Amino acid sequence: MAVSRTSDPASLFDAARAGDRVALPRLLSLVERGGDGSRAVAEIAYRSLGQAYTVGITGAPGAGKSTLTDQLINRARHRGIEGSDQVAVLAIDPSSPFSGGAILGDRVRMQNHALDDKVFIRSMATRGHLGGLAVAVPDAVRVLSAVGVPVVLLETVGVGQQEVAVAAATDTTIVVVNPGWGDAIQANKAGLLEIADLFVINKADRPGARETRRDLELMLDLTQLGEWRPPIVDTVASSGDGVDELWTAITDHRAHLVATGDLERFRRERLAREFHQILLARVGHQLDELMAADRFAGVVSDMSSGTLDPYEAADRLLSGLLPEA
């Protein structure tokens, strides 16, 4: 089914479900751009049944996340989830300040799978989407789910606030560390321990792997809450060592979530947070428009002169969001 020129979301969804490899990238481009096109795509995706199982992969730059993701693609293809051998990868890359596009090249990093029609790989950039990655990524995952992709691997570029927030919006979150990363773990442990469902010590053939495992185990002993204790898996992604064990740990975590009912509960909580993010983005957009209006032009001057305090100024500004009587 050819869709070489159409940009109609409904037609693109039909084509993507029929196996058209051009239609799916166009749907995701609409999601990234935001605006009316993104709204139309999201409306269709939300009505579709099913939801892909998402695996977030985060960690410090240079930890080997891309190589590990490349290996996980192989496991997802050959071992799958619920009998399916399809997999998609969203590589969450920094956005170019000039073009808005993703800077890093996912197909350069994972080109072994470029010709595999069961694998879809996409760099995801913020671009013009209202709410940024926090909104665009869930929409992109729903698009992939709506066209029948059962597993989505979501790789971030680092452990900054935005990347951690995106990775935490997945069903299973993997935090990748390297031997000798103890000081950084200590500095970042609060955020990492909050989001990690699995820890991976990658490049585990290097000195310091045992000490890194000890540090992680100690942190888990001190802070572990709930029934699930994040396992620690040693891998050497460059050779594939330990990746089978990692895939088993992923499927074990999924089974735990399903058995306890946490999978459905966590997804509902994430949806509520996503809704909150959308509301904040929309209100923020309206506030920007109000700030640019002539009747608010003197607000800052009044605050500077002391005739108006910031709280009263905020009340006046927010009152502009309400319909006039």
C-alpha atoms as a PDB file:
ATOM      1  CA  MET A   1       0.000   0.000   0.000  1.00  0.00           C
ATOM      2  CA  ALA A   2       1.698   3.191  -1.160  1.00  0.00           C
ATOM      3  CA  VAL A   3       1.347   6.460   0.735  1.00  0.00           C
ATOM      4  CA  SER A   4       4.102   8.407  -0.955  1.00  0.00           C
ATOM      5  CA  ARG A   5       2.284  11.734  -0.732  1.00  0.00           C
ATOM      6  CA  THR A   6      -0.552  11.473   1.752  1.00  0.00           C
ATOM      7  CA  SER A   7      -0.305  13.172   5.135  1.00  0.00           C
ATOM      8  CA  ASP A   8      -3.774  12.195   6.354  1.00  0.00           C
ATOM      9  CA  PRO A   9      -3.283  10.504   9.757  1.00  0.00           C
ATOM     10  CA  ALA A  10      -6.044   7.918   9.277  1.00  0.00           C
ATOM     11  CA  SER A  11      -4.616   6.839   5.913  1.00  0.00           C
ATOM     12  CA  LEU A  12      -1.111   6.734   7.371  1.00  0.00           C
ATOM     13  CA  PHE A  13      -2.277   4.486  10.216  1.00  0.00           C
ATOM     14  CA  ASP A  14      -3.955   2.113   7.758  1.00  0.00           C
ATOM     15  CA  ALA A  15      -0.815   2.000   5.639  1.00  0.00           C
ATOM     16  CA  ALA A  16       1.484   1.474   8.631  1.00  0.00           C
ATOM     17  CA  ARG A  17      -0.641  -1.427   9.875  1.00  0.00           C
ATOM     18  CA  ALA A  18      -0.402  -2.933   6.400  1.00  0.00           C
ATOM     19  CA  GLY A  19       3.386  -2.857   6.616  1.00  0.00           C
ATOM     20  CA  ASP A  20       4.229   0.366   4.786  1.00  0.00           C
ATOM     21  CA  ARG A  21       7.597   1.429   6.232  1.00  0.00           C
ATOM     22  CA  VAL A  22       7.199   5.018   5.037  1.00  0.00           C
ATOM     23  CA  ALA A  23       3.903   5.649   6.815  1.00  0.00           C
ATOM     24  CA  LEU A  24       5.145   5.052  10.371  1.00  0.00           C
ATOM     25  CA  PRO A  25       8.007   7.582  10.230  1.00  0.00           C
ATOM     26  CA  ARG A  26       5.553  10.147   8.873  1.00  0.00           C
ATOM     27  CA  LEU A  27       3.190   9.558  11.781  1.00  0.00           C
ATOM     28  CA  LEU A  28       6.026  10.060  14.251  1.00  0.00           C
ATOM     29  CA  SER A  29       7.126  13.203  12.433  1.00  0.00           C
ATOM     30  CA  LEU A  30       3.627  14.592  12.921  1.00  0.00           C
ATOM     31  CA  VAL A  31       3.880  13.761  16.631  1.00  0.00           C
ATOM     32  CA  GLU A  32       7.212  15.565  16.950  1.00  0.00           C
ATOM     33  CA  ARG A  33       6.081  18.691  15.128  1.00  0.00           C
ATOM     34  CA  GLY A  34       3.125  19.207  17.448  1.00  0.00           C
ATOM     35  CA  GLY A  35       0.135  21.306  16.474  1.00  0.00           C
ATOM     36  CA  ASP A  36      -2.999  20.095  14.742  1.00  0.00           C
ATOM     37  CA  GLY A  37      -1.273  17.180  13.014  1.00  0.00           C
ATOM     38  CA  SER A  38      -0.026  15.802  16.313  1.00  0.00           C
ATOM     39  CA  ARG A  39      -3.481  16.192  17.855  1.00  0.00           C
ATOM     40  CA  ALA A  40      -5.062  14.227  14.984  1.00  0.00           C
ATOM     41  CA  VAL A  41      -2.501  11.430  15.304  1.00  0.00           C
ATOM     42  CA  ALA A  42      -2.905  11.243  19.094  1.00  0.00           C
ATOM     43  CA  GLU A  43      -6.695  11.073  18.791  1.00  0.00           C
ATOM     44  CA  ILE A  44      -6.494   7.977  16.583  1.00  0.00           C
ATOM     45  CA  ALA A  45      -3.715   6.340  18.611  1.00  0.00           C
ATOM     46  CA  TYR A  46      -5.578   6.753  21.908  1.00  0.00           C
ATOM     47  CA  ARG A  47      -8.588   4.916  20.520  1.00  0.00           C
ATOM     48  CA  SER A  48      -6.540   1.895  19.472  1.00  0.00           C
ATOM     49  CA  LEU A  49      -6.547  -1.229  21.610  1.00  0.00           C
ATOM     50  CA  GLY A  50      -3.367  -2.628  23.103  1.00  0.00           C
ATOM     51  CA  GLN A  51      -0.274  -1.015  24.549  1.00  0.00           C
ATOM     52  CA  ALA A  52       3.341  -1.820  23.783  1.00  0.00           C
ATOM     53  CA  TYR A  53       5.584  -2.947  26.614  1.00  0.00           C
ATOM     54  CA  THR A  54       8.203  -0.232  27.065  1.00  0.00           C
ATOM     55  CA  VAL A  55      11.744  -0.679  28.332  1.00  0.00           C
ATOM     56  CA  GLY A  56      13.699   2.471  29.228  1.00  0.00           C
ATOM     57  CA  ILE A  57      17.499   2.414  29.091  1.00  0.00           C
ATOM     58  CA  THR A  58      19.312   5.287  30.777  1.00  0.00           C
ATOM     59  CA  GLY A  59      22.723   5.956  32.262  1.00  0.00           C
ATOM     60  CA  ALA A  60      25.706   8.262  31.987  1.00  0.00           C
ATOM     61  CA  PRO A  61      27.076   9.097  28.523  1.00  0.00           C
ATOM     62  CA  GLY A  62      29.644   6.494  27.503  1.00  0.00           C
ATOM     63  CA  ALA A  63      28.083   3.716  29.591  1.00  0.00           C
ATOM     64  CA  GLY A  64      27.427   1.673  26.457  1.00  0.00           C
ATOM     65  CA  LYS A  65      23.665   2.166  26.264  1.00  0.00           C
ATOM     66  CA  SER A  66      23.516   2.125  22.461  1.00  0.00           C
ATOM     67  CA  THR A  67      25.517  -1.080  22.179  1.00  0.00           C
ATOM     68  CA  LEU A  68      23.369  -2.653  24.876  1.00  0.00           C
ATOM     69  CA  THR A  69      20.210  -1.525  23.081  1.00  0.00           C
ATOM     70  CA  ASP A  70      21.543  -3.051  19.874  1.00  0.00           C
ATOM     71  CA  GLN A  71      21.971  -6.374  21.681  1.00  0.00           C
ATOM     72  CA  LEU A  72      18.491  -6.149  23.213  1.00  0.00           C
ATOM     73  CA  ILE A  73      17.025  -5.720  19.742  1.00  0.00           C
ATOM     74  CA  ASN A  74      18.388  -9.182  18.909  1.00  0.00           C
ATOM     75  CA  ARG A  75      16.849 -10.687  22.056  1.00  0.00           C
ATOM     76  CA  ALA A  76      13.495  -9.023  21.416  1.00  0.00           C
ATOM     77  CA  ARG A  77      13.526 -10.326  17.840  1.00  0.00           C
ATOM     78  CA  HIS A  78      14.347 -13.915  18.734  1.00  0.00           C
ATOM     79  CA  ARG A  79      12.780 -14.318  22.174  1.00  0.00           C
ATOM     80  CA  GLY A  80      10.099 -11.645  22.003  1.00  0.00           C
ATOM     81  CA  ILE A  81       7.216 -10.958  24.349  1.00  0.00           C
ATOM     82  CA  GLU A  82       3.998 -12.936  24.027  1.00  0.00           C
ATOM     83  CA  GLY A  83       5.183 -14.610  20.843  1.00  0.00           C
ATOM     84  CA  SER A  84       5.857 -11.442  18.830  1.00  0.00           C
ATOM     85  CA  ASP A  85       9.209 -10.762  17.164  1.00  0.00           C
ATOM     86  CA  GLN A  86       8.680  -7.088  16.331  1.00  0.00           C
ATOM     87  CA  VAL A  87      10.517  -4.350  18.186  1.00  0.00           C
ATOM     88  CA  ALA A  88      10.893  -0.570  17.932  1.00  0.00           C
ATOM     89  CA  VAL A  89      13.592   1.699  19.337  1.00  0.00           C
ATOM     90  CA  LEU A  90      13.107   5.358  20.204  1.00  0.00           C
ATOM     91  CA  ALA A  91      16.503   6.980  20.719  1.00  0.00           C
ATOM     92  CA  ILE A  92      15.868  10.141  22.733  1.00  0.00           C
ATOM     93  CA  ASP A  93      18.479  12.522  21.417  1.00  0.00           C
ATOM     94  CA  PRO A  94      19.268  16.169  22.146  1.00  0.00           C
ATOM     95  CA  SER A  95      17.645  18.566  19.707  1.00  0.00           C
ATOM     96  CA  SER A  96      19.588  20.769  17.343  1.00  0.00           C
ATOM     97  CA  PRO A  97      19.104  24.452  18.287  1.00  0.00           C
ATOM     98  CA  PHE A  98      19.005  25.268  14.562  1.00  0.00           C
ATOM     99  CA  SER A  99      16.897  22.591  12.867  1.00  0.00           C
ATOM    100  CA  GLY A 100      15.130  21.142  15.897  1.00  0.00           C
ATOM    101  CA  GLY A 101      16.140  17.685  14.690  1.00  0.00           C
ATOM    102  CA  ALA A 102      17.878  14.955  16.637  1.00  0.00           C
ATOM    103  CA  ILE A 103      21.650  15.414  16.738  1.00  0.00           C
ATOM    104  CA  LEU A 104      22.700  11.812  17.275  1.00  0.00           C
ATOM    105  CA  GLY A 105      22.270   9.292  14.455  1.00  0.00           C
ATOM    106  CA  ASP A 106      20.467   6.163  15.642  1.00  0.00           C
ATOM    107  CA  ARG A 107      20.974   4.332  12.337  1.00  0.00           C
ATOM    108  CA  VAL A 108      24.712   4.894  12.622  1.00  0.00           C
ATOM    109  CA  ARG A 109      24.711   3.262  16.041  1.00  0.00           C
ATOM    110  CA  MET A 110      22.370   0.374  15.153  1.00  0.00           C
ATOM    111  CA  GLN A 111      22.850  -0.039  11.416  1.00  0.00           C
ATOM    112  CA  ASN A 112      22.987  -3.843  11.677  1.00  0.00           C
ATOM    113  CA  HIS A 113      19.180  -3.758  11.866  1.00  0.00           C
ATOM    114  CA  ALA A 114      18.567  -1.162   9.159  1.00  0.00           C
ATOM    115  CA  LEU A 115      17.278  -3.724   6.653  1.00  0.00           C
ATOM    116  CA  ASP A 116      15.275  -5.806   9.129  1.00  0.00           C
ATOM    117  CA  ASP A 117      11.571  -5.195   8.449  1.00  0.00           C
ATOM    118  CA  LYS A 118      10.730  -6.390  11.976  1.00  0.00           C
ATOM    119  CA  VAL A 119      12.795  -3.596  13.554  1.00  0.00           C
ATOM    120  CA  PHE A 120      11.915   0.100  13.576  1.00  0.00           C
ATOM    121  CA  ILE A 121      14.478   2.615  14.854  1.00  0.00           C
ATOM    122  CA  ARG A 122      13.841   6.319  15.283  1.00  0.00           C
ATOM    123  CA  SER A 123      15.698   9.246  16.818  1.00  0.00           C
ATOM    124  CA  MET A 124      13.252  11.334  18.817  1.00  0.00           C
ATOM    125  CA  ALA A 125      13.761  15.071  19.249  1.00  0.00           C
ATOM    126  CA  THR A 126      11.703  17.669  21.082  1.00  0.00           C
ATOM    127  CA  ARG A 127      11.108  19.956  18.087  1.00  0.00           C
ATOM    128  CA  GLY A 128       7.918  22.001  18.384  1.00  0.00           C
ATOM    129  CA  HIS A 129       5.789  19.632  20.437  1.00  0.00           C
ATOM    130  CA  LEU A 130       3.840  21.385  23.177  1.00  0.00           C
ATOM    131  CA  GLY A 131       5.171  19.980  26.428  1.00  0.00           C
ATOM    132  CA  GLY A 132       8.393  18.662  24.897  1.00  0.00           C
ATOM    133  CA  LEU A 133       9.613  15.095  25.252  1.00  0.00           C
ATOM    134  CA  ALA A 134       7.473  14.430  28.304  1.00  0.00           C
ATOM    135  CA  VAL A 135       4.413  14.525  26.044  1.00  0.00           C
ATOM    136  CA  ALA A 136       5.863  13.586  22.656  1.00  0.00           C
ATOM    137  CA  VAL A 137       7.364  10.278  23.811  1.00  0.00           C
ATOM    138  CA  PRO A 138       4.138   8.766  25.243  1.00  0.00           C
ATOM    139  CA  ASP A 139       2.334   9.828  22.066  1.00  0.00           C
ATOM    140  CA  ALA A 140       5.024   8.167  19.949  1.00  0.00           C
ATOM    141  CA  VAL A 141       4.760   4.953  21.982  1.00  0.00           C
ATOM    142  CA  ARG A 142       0.993   4.927  21.463  1.00  0.00           C
ATOM    143  CA  VAL A 143       1.463   5.341  17.729  1.00  0.00           C
ATOM    144  CA  LEU A 144       3.794   2.332  17.715  1.00  0.00           C
ATOM    145  CA  SER A 145       1.289   0.379  19.799  1.00  0.00           C
ATOM    146  CA  ALA A 146      -1.547   1.333  17.466  1.00  0.00           C
ATOM    147  CA  VAL A 147       0.272  -0.101  14.446  1.00  0.00           C
ATOM    148  CA  GLY A 148       0.968  -3.370  16.242  1.00  0.00           C
ATOM    149  CA  VAL A 149       4.481  -3.019  17.706  1.00  0.00           C
ATOM    150  CA  PRO A 150       4.510  -4.990  21.006  1.00  0.00           C
ATOM    151  CA  VAL A 151       7.906  -3.936  22.432  1.00  0.00           C
ATOM    152  CA  VAL A 152       9.481  -0.474  22.462  1.00  0.00           C
ATOM    153  CA  LEU A 153      13.035   0.117  23.689  1.00  0.00           C
ATOM    154  CA  LEU A 154      13.530   3.721  24.752  1.00  0.00           C
ATOM    155  CA  GLU A 155      17.144   4.844  25.025  1.00  0.00           C
ATOM    156  CA  THR A 156      18.129   8.218  26.507  1.00  0.00           C
ATOM    157  CA  VAL A 157      21.419  10.062  26.074  1.00  0.00           C
ATOM    158  CA  GLY A 158      22.180  10.501  29.774  1.00  0.00           C
ATOM    159  CA  VAL A 159      20.857  10.853  33.302  1.00  0.00           C
ATOM    160  CA  GLY A 160      19.832  14.492  33.228  1.00  0.00           C
ATOM    161  CA  GLN A 161      16.472  15.490  34.653  1.00  0.00           C
ATOM    162  CA  GLN A 162      14.660  15.283  31.332  1.00  0.00           C
ATOM    163  CA  GLU A 163      16.163  11.928  30.349  1.00  0.00           C
ATOM    164  CA  VAL A 164      15.426  10.389  33.737  1.00  0.00           C
ATOM    165  CA  ALA A 165      11.836  11.643  33.593  1.00  0.00           C
ATOM    166  CA  VAL A 166      11.334  10.079  30.177  1.00  0.00           C
ATOM    167  CA  ALA A 167      12.948   6.788  31.178  1.00  0.00           C
ATOM    168  CA  ALA A 168      10.802   6.651  34.299  1.00  0.00           C
ATOM    169  CA  ALA A 169       7.714   6.772  32.075  1.00  0.00           C
ATOM    170  CA  THR A 170       8.403   3.217  30.871  1.00  0.00           C
ATOM    171  CA  ASP A 171       7.201  -0.132  32.172  1.00  0.00           C
ATOM    172  CA  THR A 172      10.699  -1.410  32.953  1.00  0.00           C
ATOM    173  CA  THR A 173      13.550   1.045  33.505  1.00  0.00           C
ATOM    174  CA  ILE A 174      17.164  -0.081  33.206  1.00  0.00           C
ATOM    175  CA  VAL A 175      19.936   2.051  34.699  1.00  0.00           C
ATOM    176  CA  VAL A 176      23.311   1.321  33.100  1.00  0.00           C
ATOM    177  CA  VAL A 177      26.510   1.967  35.049  1.00  0.00           C
ATOM    178  CA  ASN A 178      30.163   1.109  34.525  1.00  0.00           C
ATOM    179  CA  PRO A 179      32.816  -0.257  36.885  1.00  0.00           C
ATOM    180  CA  GLY A 180      34.409   2.513  38.909  1.00  0.00           C
ATOM    181  CA  TRP A 181      31.318   4.701  38.741  1.00  0.00           C
ATOM    182  CA  GLY A 182      30.929   4.682  42.528  1.00  0.00           C
ATOM    183  CA  ASP A 183      31.335   8.427  43.090  1.00  0.00           C
ATOM    184  CA  ALA A 184      28.782   9.251  40.421  1.00  0.00           C
ATOM    185  CA  ILE A 185      26.391   6.673  41.830  1.00  0.00           C
ATOM    186  CA  GLN A 186      26.715   8.302  45.240  1.00  0.00           C
ATOM    187  CA  ALA A 187      26.007  11.719  43.735  1.00  0.00           C
ATOM    188  CA  ASN A 188      23.024  10.550  41.705  1.00  0.00           C
ATOM    189  CA  LYS A 189      21.657   7.698  43.782  1.00  0.00           C
ATOM    190  CA  ALA A 190      18.397   9.383  44.795  1.00  0.00           C
ATOM    191  CA  GLY A 191      17.241   9.820  41.229  1.00  0.00           C
ATOM    192  CA  LEU A 192      18.614   6.488  40.062  1.00  0.00           C
ATOM    193  CA  LEU A 193      17.109   4.460  42.873  1.00  0.00           C
ATOM    194  CA  GLU A 194      13.736   6.080  42.297  1.00  0.00           C
ATOM    195  CA  ILE A 195      13.490   4.969  38.694  1.00  0.00           C
ATOM    196  CA  ALA A 196      15.559   1.790  38.435  1.00  0.00           C
ATOM    197  CA  ASP A 197      13.777  -1.544  38.027  1.00  0.00           C
ATOM    198  CA  LEU A 198      17.006  -3.202  36.894  1.00  0.00           C
ATOM    199  CA  PHE A 199      20.652  -2.222  37.209  1.00  0.00           C
ATOM    200  CA  VAL A 200      23.195  -3.184  34.569  1.00  0.00           C
ATOM    201  CA  ILE A 201      26.920  -3.078  35.203  1.00  0.00           C
ATOM    202  CA  ASN A 202      28.101  -2.842  31.613  1.00  0.00           C
ATOM    203  CA  LYS A 203      31.737  -3.355  30.614  1.00  0.00           C
ATOM    204  CA  ALA A 204      31.801  -5.769  33.535  1.00  0.00           C
ATOM    205  CA  ASP A 205      35.074  -7.295  32.280  1.00  0.00           C
ATOM    206  CA  ARG A 206      36.885  -4.188  33.483  1.00  0.00           C
ATOM    207  CA  PRO A 207      38.415  -3.729  36.946  1.00  0.00           C
ATOM    208  CA  GLY A 208      36.044  -2.461  39.604  1.00  0.00           C
ATOM    209  CA  ALA A 209      32.919  -4.407  38.611  1.00  0.00           C
ATOM    210  CA  ARG A 210      32.801  -6.257  41.922  1.00  0.00           C
ATOM    211  CA  GLU A 211      33.093  -3.028  43.906  1.00  0.00           C
ATOM    212  CA  THR A 212      30.369  -1.391  41.835  1.00  0.00           C
ATOM    213  CA  ARG A 213      28.040  -4.317  42.519  1.00  0.00           C
ATOM    214  CA  ARG A 214      28.821  -4.060  46.229  1.00  0.00           C
ATOM    215  CA  ASP A 215      27.996  -0.336  46.248  1.00  0.00           C
ATOM    216  CA  LEU A 216      24.703  -0.926  44.439  1.00  0.00           C
ATOM    217  CA  GLU A 217      23.711  -3.761  46.757  1.00  0.00           C
ATOM    218  CA  LEU A 218      24.467  -1.593  49.781  1.00  0.00           C
ATOM    219  CA  MET A 219      22.327   1.261  48.445  1.00  0.00           C
ATOM    220  CA  LEU A 220      19.484  -1.145  47.772  1.00  0.00           C
ATOM    221  CA  ASP A 221      19.796  -2.571  51.291  1.00  0.00           C
ATOM    222  CA  LEU A 222      19.477   0.921  52.758  1.00  0.00           C
ATOM    223  CA  THR A 223      16.688   2.247  50.563  1.00  0.00           C
ATOM    224  CA  GLN A 224      14.742  -0.684  49.142  1.00  0.00           C
ATOM    225  CA  LEU A 225      10.975  -0.368  49.478  1.00  0.00           C
ATOM    226  CA  GLY A 226       8.253  -2.594  48.093  1.00  0.00           C
ATOM    227  CA  GLU A 227       8.234  -6.185  46.910  1.00  0.00           C
ATOM    228  CA  TRP A 228      10.497  -5.811  43.882  1.00  0.00           C
ATOM    229  CA  ARG A 229      14.236  -5.553  44.509  1.00  0.00           C
ATOM    230  CA  PRO A 230      16.012  -4.403  41.347  1.00  0.00           C
ATOM    231  CA  PRO A 231      18.364  -7.160  40.193  1.00  0.00           C
ATOM    232  CA  ILE A 232      21.916  -6.289  39.152  1.00  0.00           C
ATOM    233  CA  VAL A 233      23.070  -7.849  35.899  1.00  0.00           C
ATOM    234  CA  ASP A 234      26.656  -7.883  34.632  1.00  0.00           C
ATOM    235  CA  THR A 235      27.025  -7.411  30.886  1.00  0.00           C
ATOM    236  CA  VAL A 236      29.673  -6.873  28.249  1.00  0.00           C
ATOM    237  CA  ALA A 237      27.503  -5.392  25.534  1.00  0.00           C
ATOM    238  CA  SER A 238      30.273  -5.361  22.925  1.00  0.00           C
ATOM    239  CA  SER A 239      30.403  -9.170  23.011  1.00  0.00           C
ATOM    240  CA  GLY A 240      26.825  -9.883  24.124  1.00  0.00           C
ATOM    241  CA  ASP A 241      27.874 -11.473  27.405  1.00  0.00           C
ATOM    242  CA  GLY A 242      25.116 -11.259  30.021  1.00  0.00           C
ATOM    243  CA  VAL A 243      22.484  -9.891  27.628  1.00  0.00           C
ATOM    244  CA  ASP A 244      20.447 -13.133  27.731  1.00  0.00           C
ATOM    245  CA  GLU A 245      20.350 -12.808  31.514  1.00  0.00           C
ATOM    246  CA  LEU A 246      19.298  -9.170  31.151  1.00  0.00           C
ATOM    247  CA  TRP A 247      16.422 -10.084  28.826  1.00  0.00           C
ATOM    248  CA  THR A 248      15.325 -12.743  31.327  1.00  0.00           C
ATOM    249  CA  ALA A 249      15.376 -10.110  34.092  1.00  0.00           C
ATOM    250  CA  ILE A 250      13.223  -7.820  31.915  1.00  0.00           C
ATOM    251  CA  THR A 251      10.634 -10.528  31.309  1.00  0.00           C
ATOM    252  CA  ASP A 252      10.722 -11.474  35.011  1.00  0.00           C
ATOM    253  CA  HIS A 253       9.966  -7.871  35.943  1.00  0.00           C
ATOM    254  CA  ARG A 254       7.113  -7.761  33.462  1.00  0.00           C
ATOM    255  CA  ALA A 255       5.682 -10.983  34.908  1.00  0.00           C
ATOM    256  CA  HIS A 256       5.908  -9.492  38.404  1.00  0.00           C
ATOM    257  CA  LEU A 257       4.061  -6.353  37.314  1.00  0.00           C
ATOM    258  CA  VAL A 258       1.317  -8.368  35.654  1.00  0.00           C
ATOM    259  CA  ALA A 259       0.931 -10.758  38.603  1.00  0.00           C
ATOM    260  CA  THR A 260       0.660  -7.977  41.186  1.00  0.00           C
ATOM    261  CA  GLY A 261      -1.563  -5.715  39.091  1.00  0.00           C
ATOM    262  CA  ASP A 262       1.134  -3.034  39.218  1.00  0.00           C
ATOM    263  CA  LEU A 263       1.450  -2.829  35.441  1.00  0.00           C
ATOM    264  CA  GLU A 264      -2.081  -1.494  35.023  1.00  0.00           C
ATOM    265  CA  ARG A 265      -1.811   0.689  38.129  1.00  0.00           C
ATOM    266  CA  PHE A 266       1.503   2.256  37.098  1.00  0.00           C
ATOM    267  CA  ARG A 267       0.216   2.932  33.595  1.00  0.00           C
ATOM    268  CA  ARG A 268      -2.822   4.719  34.990  1.00  0.00           C
ATOM    269  CA  GLU A 269      -0.573   6.822  37.247  1.00  0.00           C
ATOM    270  CA  ARG A 270       1.667   7.702  34.307  1.00  0.00           C
ATOM    271  CA  LEU A 271      -1.380   8.684  32.266  1.00  0.00           C
ATOM    272  CA  ALA A 272      -2.502  11.004  35.074  1.00  0.00           C
ATOM    273  CA  ARG A 273       0.985  12.599  35.158  1.00  0.00           C
ATOM    274  CA  GLU A 274       0.943  12.960  31.388  1.00  0.00           C
ATOM    275  CA  PHE A 275      -2.447  14.670  31.557  1.00  0.00           C
ATOM    276  CA  HIS A 276      -1.063  17.019  34.203  1.00  0.00           C
ATOM    277  CA  GLN A 277       1.910  17.785  31.949  1.00  0.00           C
ATOM    278  CA  ILE A 278      -0.386  18.584  29.035  1.00  0.00           C
ATOM    279  CA  LEU A 279      -2.471  20.907  31.219  1.00  0.00           C
ATOM    280  CA  LEU A 280       0.657  22.699  32.443  1.00  0.00           C
ATOM    281  CA  ALA A 281       1.902  23.119  28.890  1.00  0.00           C
ATOM    282  CA  ARG A 282      -1.405  24.527  27.696  1.00  0.00           C
ATOM    283  CA  VAL A 283      -1.764  26.922  30.635  1.00  0.00           C
ATOM    284  CA  GLY A 284       1.856  28.003  30.160  1.00  0.00           C
ATOM    285  CA  HIS A 285       1.164  28.750  26.507  1.00  0.00           C
ATOM    286  CA  GLN A 286      -1.853  30.842  27.465  1.00  0.00           C
ATOM    287  CA  LEU A 287       0.170  32.690  30.098  1.00  0.00           C
ATOM    288  CA  ASP A 288       2.817  33.553  27.517  1.00  0.00           C
ATOM    289  CA  GLU A 289       0.115  35.010  25.302  1.00  0.00           C
ATOM    290  CA  LEU A 290      -1.309  37.002  28.221  1.00  0.00           C
ATOM    291  CA  MET A 291       2.111  38.349  29.155  1.00  0.00           C
ATOM    292  CA  ALA A 292       2.474  39.669  25.615  1.00  0.00           C
ATOM    293  CA  ALA A 293      -0.869  41.469  25.735  1.00  0.00           C
ATOM    294  CA  ASP A 294      -0.900  45.261  26.060  1.00  0.00           C
ATOM    295  CA  ARG A 295      -2.879  45.280  29.306  1.00  0.00           C
ATOM    296  CA  PHE A 296      -0.075  43.418  31.090  1.00  0.00           C
ATOM    297  CA  ALA A 297       2.749  45.472  29.613  1.00  0.00           C
ATOM    298  CA  GLY A 298       3.071  47.579  32.771  1.00  0.00           C
ATOM    299  CA  VAL A 299       3.034  44.716  35.290  1.00  0.00           C
ATOM    300  CA  VAL A 300       6.806  44.381  35.532  1.00  0.00           C
ATOM    301  CA  SER A 301       7.214  48.139  35.821  1.00  0.00           C
ATOM    302  CA  ASP A 302       4.685  48.242  38.652  1.00  0.00           C
ATOM    303  CA  MET A 303       6.544  45.459  40.470  1.00  0.00           C
ATOM    304  CA  SER A 304       9.855  47.273  39.974  1.00  0.00           C
ATOM    305  CA  SER A 305       8.426  50.482  41.415  1.00  0.00           C
ATOM    306  CA  GLY A 306       6.976  48.682  44.427  1.00  0.00           C
ATOM    307  CA  THR A 307       3.361  49.528  43.679  1.00  0.00           C
ATOM    308  CA  LEU A 308       2.551  45.885  42.925  1.00  0.00           C
ATOM    309  CA  ASP A 309       3.877  42.741  44.563  1.00  0.00           C
ATOM    310  CA  PRO A 310       4.514  39.581  42.486  1.00  0.00           C
ATOM    311  CA  TYR A 311       1.674  37.653  44.145  1.00  0.00           C
ATOM    312  CA  GLU A 312      -0.937  40.244  43.296  1.00  0.00           C
ATOM    313  CA  ALA A 313       0.556  40.478  39.801  1.00  0.00           C
ATOM    314  CA  ALA A 314       0.193  36.708  39.426  1.00  0.00           C
ATOM    315  CA  ASP A 315      -3.429  36.902  40.577  1.00  0.00           C
ATOM    316  CA  ARG A 316      -4.136  39.536  37.961  1.00  0.00           C
ATOM    317  CA  LEU A 317      -2.418  37.519  35.254  1.00  0.00           C
ATOM    318  CA  LEU A 318      -4.226  34.291  36.148  1.00  0.00           C
ATOM    319  CA  SER A 319      -7.532  36.095  36.199  1.00  0.00           C
ATOM    320  CA  GLY A 320      -6.980  36.661  32.510  1.00  0.00           C
ATOM    321  CA  LEU A 321      -7.361  32.913  31.940  1.00  0.00           C
ATOM    322  CA  LEU A 322     -10.965  33.066  33.156  1.00  0.00           C
ATOM    323  CA  PRO A 323     -13.756  34.002  30.731  1.00  0.00           C
ATOM    324  CA  GLU A 324     -14.953  37.557  31.107  1.00  0.00           C
ATOM    325  CA  ALA A 325     -18.406  38.016  32.634  1.00  0.00           C
END
